[in-house]
Amino acid sequence: MDDFFAGDSRTNRERMLAGDPYIADDPELEAASGRALALAHRYGEVYPTDREAARLLLEELLGSVAADVEIRPPLYVDYGTHITIGAGTFANYGLTALDVAPITIGRDVQIGPNVQLLTPTHPLDPEQRRAKLEAAEPIVIEDNVWLGGGAIVLAGVTVGAGSVIGAGAVVTRDVPSGVVAVGGPARVIRRL
């Protein structure tokens, strides 16, 4: 795999942040992920008995989080620092937000239990997968979206403002604003 990066002097973190293929088990990235795991674990231990401590941990974990955001643990992230969450957003138990690329969640978003926001992508070539190459594409959840329980949003997807994603849907491509989308892969079934 050294040939894959010939002439590219960037670190794996720099490649990752650029959305280019990188080696996932890089020591710098593992340290950042370990930090996020520890913070998310502590968040789950103190929420809801000590809301002030929980809030401080959430602010330390995430890149940006509005003051009135509520996230019920457990919360699973890769790094946390690439996640932005707008005001009035609520996430129920078990949110998985794998933020290898940025995840932007707008204002007044409702996130059902066990929703997955998955930015990582993996090569189709088995040799590249064996070499631990991966990449990522950002996810954007615009304002006033409702993601039903168990919904999965894949890398590179934007869910438009005011839309509803049905429980258990697998969102593989962009969803326009003001619609209901259901199924796997998710498809628009009506306008709101």
Protein backbone atom coordinates (compact mmCIF):
# COMPACT_ATOMS: atom_id res chain seq x y z
CA MET A 1 0.00 0.00 0.00
CA ASP A 2 3.02 2.28 0.24
CA ASP A 3 2.81 2.64 -3.56
CA PHE A 4 -0.73 3.94 -3.19
CA PHE A 5 0.58 6.99 -1.29
CA ALA A 6 3.77 7.51 -3.35
CA GLY A 7 4.45 11.23 -3.65
CA ASP A 8 1.80 12.12 -1.04
CA SER A 9 3.53 13.48 2.06
CA ARG A 10 0.29 14.18 3.95
CA THR A 11 -0.50 12.41 7.19
CA ASN A 12 -3.37 9.94 7.29
CA ARG A 13 -5.35 12.51 9.28
CA GLU A 14 -4.78 15.13 6.56
CA ARG A 15 -5.86 12.65 3.89
CA MET A 16 -8.94 11.73 5.93
CA LEU A 17 -9.98 15.35 6.41
CA ALA A 18 -9.58 15.97 2.67
CA GLY A 19 -11.93 13.06 1.91
CA ASP A 20 -9.13 11.06 0.29
CA PRO A 21 -8.22 7.43 0.99
CA TYR A 22 -6.19 6.99 4.16
CA ILE A 23 -5.10 4.25 6.56
CA ALA A 24 -7.70 3.96 9.30
CA ASP A 25 -5.55 2.37 12.00
CA ASP A 26 -3.01 5.23 12.06
CA PRO A 27 -1.71 5.92 15.63
CA GLU A 28 -2.73 9.62 15.53
CA LEU A 29 -6.26 8.70 14.46
CA GLU A 30 -6.47 5.89 17.01
CA ALA A 31 -5.55 8.36 19.77
CA ALA A 32 -8.24 10.81 18.64
CA SER A 33 -10.78 8.00 18.48
CA GLY A 34 -9.78 6.77 21.95
CA ARG A 35 -10.32 10.29 23.32
CA ALA A 36 -13.81 10.35 21.77
CA LEU A 37 -14.68 6.91 23.14
CA ALA A 38 -13.65 7.94 26.65
CA LEU A 39 -15.63 11.20 26.52
CA ALA A 40 -18.74 9.50 25.14
CA HIS A 41 -18.49 6.84 27.85
CA ARG A 42 -18.20 9.47 30.60
CA TYR A 43 -21.13 11.36 29.06
CA GLY A 44 -23.25 8.21 29.36
CA GLU A 45 -22.19 7.75 32.99
CA VAL A 46 -23.21 11.23 34.17
CA TYR A 47 -26.33 11.81 32.05
CA PRO A 48 -29.03 12.48 33.31
CA THR A 49 -28.05 12.69 36.98
CA ASP A 50 -25.58 15.56 36.46
CA ARG A 51 -26.81 17.59 33.50
CA GLU A 52 -24.15 20.27 33.94
CA ALA A 53 -21.27 17.77 33.80
CA ALA A 54 -22.93 15.97 30.89
CA ARG A 55 -23.26 19.24 28.99
CA LEU A 56 -19.57 20.06 29.49
CA LEU A 57 -18.57 16.61 28.25
CA LEU A 58 -20.79 16.98 25.18
CA GLU A 59 -19.21 20.36 24.40
CA GLU A 60 -15.74 18.83 24.77
CA LEU A 61 -16.64 15.84 22.59
CA LEU A 62 -18.44 17.51 19.69
CA GLY A 63 -17.17 20.14 17.27
CA SER A 64 -20.13 22.43 17.90
CA VAL A 65 -23.34 21.86 19.83
CA ALA A 66 -26.09 24.40 20.56
CA ALA A 67 -26.95 25.04 24.21
CA ASP A 68 -30.37 23.37 24.15
CA VAL A 69 -29.45 20.17 22.29
CA GLU A 70 -30.38 16.95 24.07
CA ILE A 71 -28.70 13.65 23.23
CA ARG A 72 -29.69 10.61 25.23
CA PRO A 73 -26.87 8.12 25.68
CA PRO A 74 -25.40 5.90 24.58
CA LEU A 75 -23.79 8.06 21.92
CA TYR A 76 -21.26 6.50 19.54
CA VAL A 77 -18.84 8.60 17.46
CA ASP A 78 -15.51 8.11 15.72
CA TYR A 79 -13.99 11.47 16.68
CA GLY A 80 -16.84 13.76 17.71
CA THR A 81 -14.95 16.85 16.64
CA HIS A 82 -16.40 16.71 13.12
CA ILE A 83 -20.02 16.91 14.32
CA THR A 84 -22.06 20.14 14.40
CA ILE A 85 -25.56 20.17 15.93
CA GLY A 86 -27.98 23.10 15.77
CA ALA A 87 -30.37 24.50 18.37
CA GLY A 88 -33.47 22.61 19.43
CA THR A 89 -32.24 19.22 18.22
CA PHE A 90 -33.11 16.03 20.12
CA ALA A 91 -31.48 12.63 19.64
CA ASN A 92 -32.98 9.60 21.34
CA TYR A 93 -31.00 6.63 22.69
CA GLY A 94 -28.26 4.99 20.67
CA LEU A 95 -27.24 7.57 18.07
CA THR A 96 -24.25 6.36 16.04
CA ALA A 97 -22.57 9.26 14.23
CA LEU A 98 -19.37 8.05 12.57
CA ASP A 99 -17.75 11.37 11.79
CA VAL A 100 -14.75 10.48 9.66
CA ALA A 101 -16.07 13.32 7.45
CA PRO A 102 -18.16 16.22 8.78
CA ILE A 103 -21.69 15.56 10.00
CA THR A 104 -23.85 18.67 10.09
CA ILE A 105 -27.18 18.41 11.88
CA GLY A 106 -29.39 21.49 11.62
CA ARG A 107 -31.84 23.15 13.99
CA ASP A 108 -34.91 21.43 15.46
CA VAL A 109 -33.97 17.98 14.14
CA GLN A 110 -35.65 14.98 15.76
CA ILE A 111 -33.56 11.80 15.75
CA GLY A 112 -35.20 8.53 16.73
CA PRO A 113 -33.50 5.74 18.68
CA ASN A 114 -30.67 3.77 17.08
CA VAL A 115 -30.22 6.08 14.10
CA GLN A 116 -26.92 5.68 12.23
CA LEU A 117 -25.12 8.49 10.37
CA LEU A 118 -22.27 6.76 8.53
CA THR A 119 -19.70 8.91 6.69
CA PRO A 120 -16.99 6.23 6.11
CA THR A 121 -16.66 4.48 2.77
CA HIS A 122 -14.54 1.45 1.95
CA PRO A 123 -12.96 0.37 -1.34
CA LEU A 124 -14.55 -2.35 -3.41
CA ASP A 125 -11.11 -3.82 -4.10
CA PRO A 126 -10.43 -6.53 -1.46
CA GLU A 127 -6.66 -5.83 -1.40
CA GLN A 128 -7.28 -2.17 -0.56
CA ARG A 129 -9.74 -3.17 2.19
CA ARG A 130 -7.22 -5.66 3.59
CA ALA A 131 -4.67 -2.81 3.65
CA LYS A 132 -7.14 -0.84 5.87
CA LEU A 133 -7.80 1.91 3.31
CA GLU A 134 -10.97 3.91 3.77
CA ALA A 135 -12.33 7.33 2.87
CA ALA A 136 -15.42 9.33 3.81
CA GLU A 137 -18.03 11.77 2.54
CA PRO A 138 -19.95 14.32 4.63
CA ILE A 139 -23.56 14.02 5.78
CA VAL A 140 -25.90 17.00 6.10
CA ILE A 141 -29.23 16.82 7.94
CA GLU A 142 -30.95 20.15 7.32
CA ASP A 143 -33.31 22.00 9.71
CA ASN A 144 -36.52 20.46 11.06
CA VAL A 145 -35.87 16.92 9.77
CA TRP A 146 -37.27 13.86 11.56
CA LEU A 147 -35.17 10.71 11.28
CA GLY A 148 -37.32 7.76 12.38
CA GLY A 149 -35.98 5.06 14.67
CA GLY A 150 -33.33 2.82 13.17
CA ALA A 151 -32.87 4.95 10.04
CA ILE A 152 -29.45 4.76 8.38
CA VAL A 153 -28.02 7.71 6.45
CA LEU A 154 -25.01 6.84 4.30
CA ALA A 155 -21.95 8.83 3.26
CA GLY A 156 -22.42 11.82 0.99
CA VAL A 157 -26.15 12.25 1.68
CA THR A 158 -28.03 15.48 2.38
CA VAL A 159 -31.55 15.27 3.84
CA GLY A 160 -33.45 18.43 2.92
CA ALA A 161 -35.18 20.74 5.39
CA GLY A 162 -38.51 19.63 6.80
CA SER A 163 -38.30 16.08 5.47
CA VAL A 164 -39.23 12.89 7.32
CA ILE A 165 -37.22 9.69 6.99
CA GLY A 166 -39.26 6.66 7.96
CA ALA A 167 -38.20 4.22 10.65
CA GLY A 168 -35.69 1.70 9.37
CA ALA A 169 -35.07 3.53 6.08
CA VAL A 170 -31.66 3.28 4.43
CA VAL A 171 -30.87 6.64 2.84
CA THR A 172 -28.37 6.11 0.02
CA ARG A 173 -28.82 9.38 -1.88
CA ASP A 174 -29.97 12.95 -1.28
CA VAL A 175 -33.54 13.53 -0.13
CA PRO A 176 -35.19 16.81 -1.18
CA SER A 177 -36.79 19.23 1.26
CA GLY A 178 -40.36 18.71 2.43
CA VAL A 179 -40.91 15.03 1.63
CA VAL A 180 -41.45 11.67 3.33
CA ALA A 181 -38.95 8.98 2.32
CA VAL A 182 -39.15 5.34 3.42
CA GLY A 183 -37.66 1.95 2.64
CA GLY A 184 -34.33 0.48 1.72
CA PRO A 185 -33.08 2.14 -0.31
CA ALA A 186 -35.20 5.08 0.79
CA ARG A 187 -37.56 6.52 -1.79
CA VAL A 188 -39.84 9.53 -1.64
CA ILE A 189 -43.48 8.51 -1.19
CA ARG A 190 -45.08 11.95 -0.77
CA ARG A 191 -44.57 15.69 -0.44
CA LEU A 192 -45.41 17.46 2.80
